[in-house]
Structures are given as structure tokens and as C-alpha cells.
Amino acid sequence: MSILAVNKTVSRDYQILEEFEAGLVLTGQEVKSVKTKHVDFKGSFISIRQGEAWLKKLFIPPYSKAGMALASYNPIRDRKLLLHRKEVLSLANKTDSKGLTIIPLSVYTSRRLIKVKLALVKGKKKFDKRADIKKREINRDFQQRLKNY
């Protein structure tokens, strides 16, 4: 398993409640582009409609070394996620009732397949973010004092 891309802003902006793994349906050119680590998570999220999960606004640019560029290629098109029906239903119920959202955490390969790690998250408030920063600074200070002791 090699990690191709990581969404770095998730831990700062959201509180992770549950994690899931899903397959990602891509075209051949997109697979090559993802394997060269050209993925941007900015603004991406997962929506569920008609019993299927869709990854929206994940930016995958066209493969740079492709012989012919596709004229109708859309780099932020909706991409289908491969999840079990029970997982899709439970995610749909949780996001509808509690005001939670689903966000991609990372894209990686598992053998020859491209997978996405998803998380059911709840947004952090400003005071939660400040508390996290304070904890991190206290830990850093504590570790430096132990090192110098």
C-alpha cells in the first residue's frame, strides 16, 4: 500500500468520527495521473444520491505525458465510489440526521487498485481549533524540557 495523496486540512478543520475505505472509479488517463501523485483535495466531499456514493470536486488533472489530450475532459467531474450497500445506507442516515459530512482523507493504492480513505466528520468551531493549538504547544514545550533535562 503506497499513499499517493493526503488531505492535510482535515485534522485542522474537522473532528474525525469514523473512517471507511472505498474503491474509486477512474478512467485510464486519470489512473496514470493519480499514480504520479497529481491530486488536489481542496473543496472535495462525498455526497450520496440514489443509493450511490459520489466523490465531488476532487481535482485530477489530465495526464501530462498522454499522446492525445482529451478535449472533453473535466478534471473535477463527479467520480463514483465503490462501497457496500449497508455502508452507503448507514452513511446516508448519519449525514442526514446529525449534520455530519463525509470527506476524503487520502488516496492510495492497494495492490493494483486505487482506493480512497473516507471519514465521517464534524466541523470544529474556532475555540476547538484554539484548544488543539494550545495542547500541541504545551506538548512541544514539555518534550523540549524533557530533552534538556
Protein backbone atom coordinates (compact mmCIF):
# COMPACT_ATOMS: atom_id res chain seq x y z
CA MET A 1 0.00 0.00 0.00
CA SER A 2 1.52 3.27 -1.08
CA ILE A 3 -0.10 6.58 -0.23
CA LEU A 4 -0.46 8.82 -3.26
CA ALA A 5 -2.09 11.92 -1.74
CA VAL A 6 -3.24 13.09 1.70
CA ASN A 7 -5.82 15.72 2.65
CA LYS A 8 -3.83 17.73 5.19
CA THR A 9 -6.55 20.15 6.26
CA VAL A 10 -8.93 17.53 7.67
CA SER A 11 -7.33 17.22 11.12
CA ARG A 12 -7.23 21.00 11.48
CA ASP A 13 -10.81 21.74 10.42
CA TYR A 14 -12.76 18.61 11.37
CA GLN A 15 -13.18 16.08 14.13
CA ILE A 16 -12.98 12.56 12.67
CA LEU A 17 -15.71 10.22 13.96
CA GLU A 18 -15.45 7.16 11.68
CA GLU A 19 -13.24 6.02 8.82
CA PHE A 20 -14.14 3.96 5.75
CA GLU A 21 -12.35 2.55 2.72
CA ALA A 22 -13.81 2.74 -0.78
CA GLY A 23 -12.76 1.92 -4.32
CA LEU A 24 -12.60 4.75 -6.85
CA VAL A 25 -13.89 4.50 -10.44
CA LEU A 26 -11.43 6.28 -12.77
CA THR A 27 -10.59 6.38 -16.45
CA GLY A 28 -7.19 5.18 -17.71
CA GLN A 29 -5.74 8.67 -18.04
CA GLU A 30 -6.91 9.57 -14.53
CA VAL A 31 -5.27 6.45 -13.07
CA LYS A 32 -1.91 7.44 -14.54
CA SER A 33 -2.31 10.99 -13.30
CA VAL A 34 -3.19 9.80 -9.77
CA LYS A 35 -0.25 7.39 -9.71
CA THR A 36 2.06 10.33 -10.46
CA LYS A 37 0.58 11.95 -7.31
CA HIS A 38 -1.34 14.73 -9.05
CA VAL A 39 -4.42 15.05 -6.82
CA ASP A 40 -5.90 18.10 -5.11
CA PHE A 41 -8.46 17.68 -2.31
CA LYS A 42 -9.40 21.35 -1.97
CA GLY A 43 -13.17 21.56 -1.53
CA SER A 44 -13.79 17.86 -2.17
CA PHE A 45 -16.55 15.98 -0.39
CA ILE A 46 -18.75 12.90 -0.76
CA SER A 47 -22.45 13.05 -1.50
CA ILE A 48 -24.92 10.20 -1.52
CA ARG A 49 -27.74 10.14 -4.04
CA GLN A 50 -29.96 7.31 -5.22
CA GLY A 51 -28.12 4.74 -3.10
CA GLU A 52 -24.67 5.52 -4.54
CA ALA A 53 -21.73 7.46 -3.13
CA TRP A 54 -20.11 10.12 -5.34
CA LEU A 55 -16.82 11.94 -4.80
CA LYS A 56 -17.26 15.56 -5.84
CA LYS A 57 -14.73 18.28 -6.67
CA LEU A 58 -11.63 16.08 -6.43
CA PHE A 59 -9.19 17.71 -8.88
CA ILE A 60 -7.28 15.23 -11.04
CA PRO A 61 -5.51 16.99 -13.93
CA PRO A 62 -5.09 15.25 -17.28
CA TYR A 63 -2.04 13.01 -17.61
CA SER A 64 0.79 15.23 -18.84
CA LYS A 65 2.57 12.58 -20.94
CA ALA A 66 -0.54 11.40 -22.77
CA GLY A 67 -0.22 11.46 -26.54
CA MET A 68 -3.64 12.96 -27.21
CA ALA A 69 -5.28 15.33 -24.79
CA LEU A 70 -8.98 14.68 -24.30
CA ALA A 71 -10.98 17.67 -25.49
CA SER A 72 -13.97 16.98 -23.26
CA TYR A 73 -12.04 16.04 -20.10
CA ASN A 74 -13.36 17.63 -16.89
CA PRO A 75 -10.76 17.46 -14.06
CA ILE A 76 -13.35 17.99 -11.28
CA ARG A 77 -16.06 15.65 -12.53
CA ASP A 78 -18.06 13.51 -10.09
CA ARG A 79 -16.44 10.12 -9.53
CA LYS A 80 -18.29 7.07 -8.29
CA LEU A 81 -17.16 5.36 -5.08
CA LEU A 82 -17.45 1.62 -4.59
CA LEU A 83 -18.95 0.88 -1.17
CA HIS A 84 -21.17 -1.87 0.19
CA ARG A 85 -24.87 -1.07 0.25
CA LYS A 86 -25.00 -1.25 4.07
CA GLU A 87 -22.15 1.26 4.35
CA VAL A 88 -23.86 3.66 1.94
CA LEU A 89 -27.15 3.45 3.84
CA SER A 90 -25.53 3.98 7.24
CA LEU A 91 -23.54 6.97 5.92
CA ALA A 92 -26.68 8.45 4.37
CA ASN A 93 -28.59 8.11 7.65
CA LYS A 94 -25.80 9.64 9.72
CA THR A 95 -25.25 12.62 7.43
CA ASP A 96 -28.98 13.38 7.17
CA SER A 97 -29.84 13.29 10.84
CA LYS A 98 -26.82 14.65 12.72
CA GLY A 99 -25.47 17.32 10.38
CA LEU A 100 -22.25 15.43 9.73
CA THR A 101 -20.35 15.30 6.44
CA ILE A 102 -18.12 12.84 4.62
CA ILE A 103 -14.66 13.94 3.46
CA PRO A 104 -11.84 12.08 1.65
CA LEU A 105 -8.73 11.64 3.79
CA SER A 106 -6.29 10.06 1.36
CA VAL A 107 -5.87 8.32 -1.97
CA TYR A 108 -3.66 5.22 -2.09
CA THR A 109 -3.02 2.02 -4.00
CA SER A 110 -3.91 -1.40 -2.70
CA ARG A 111 -2.19 -3.94 -4.95
CA ARG A 112 -3.18 -2.54 -8.36
CA LEU A 113 -6.39 -0.78 -7.28
CA ILE A 114 -6.85 2.89 -6.40
CA LYS A 115 -8.65 3.34 -3.08
CA VAL A 116 -9.88 6.32 -1.08
CA LYS A 117 -9.98 6.56 2.70
CA LEU A 118 -13.14 8.41 3.76
CA ALA A 119 -14.07 9.89 7.10
CA LEU A 120 -17.37 10.83 8.68
CA VAL A 121 -16.53 14.19 10.25
CA LYS A 122 -17.96 17.00 12.30
CA GLY A 123 -16.73 20.56 11.78
CA LYS A 124 -14.66 22.20 14.52
CA LYS A 125 -15.56 25.56 15.97
CA LYS A 126 -12.96 28.29 16.35
CA PHE A 127 -12.49 27.64 20.08
CA ASP A 128 -11.90 23.92 19.38
CA LYS A 129 -9.12 24.81 16.96
CA ARG A 130 -7.55 27.13 19.55
CA ALA A 131 -7.68 24.37 22.18
CA ASP A 132 -5.90 21.98 19.82
CA ILE A 133 -3.17 24.54 19.13
CA LYS A 134 -2.73 25.11 22.87
CA LYS A 135 -2.42 21.37 23.56
CA ARG A 136 0.13 20.99 20.76
CA GLU A 137 2.26 23.87 22.12
CA ILE A 138 2.14 22.50 25.67
CA ASN A 139 3.21 19.06 24.43
CA ARG A 140 6.05 20.56 22.38
CA ASP A 141 7.26 22.60 25.38
CA PHE A 142 7.05 19.54 27.64
CA GLN A 143 9.05 17.40 25.19
CA GLN A 144 11.75 20.09 24.91
CA ARG A 145 12.06 20.32 28.70
CA LEU A 146 12.39 16.52 28.95
CA LYS A 147 15.05 16.55 26.25
CA ASN A 148 17.06 19.24 28.06
CA TYR A 149 16.67 17.63 31.49
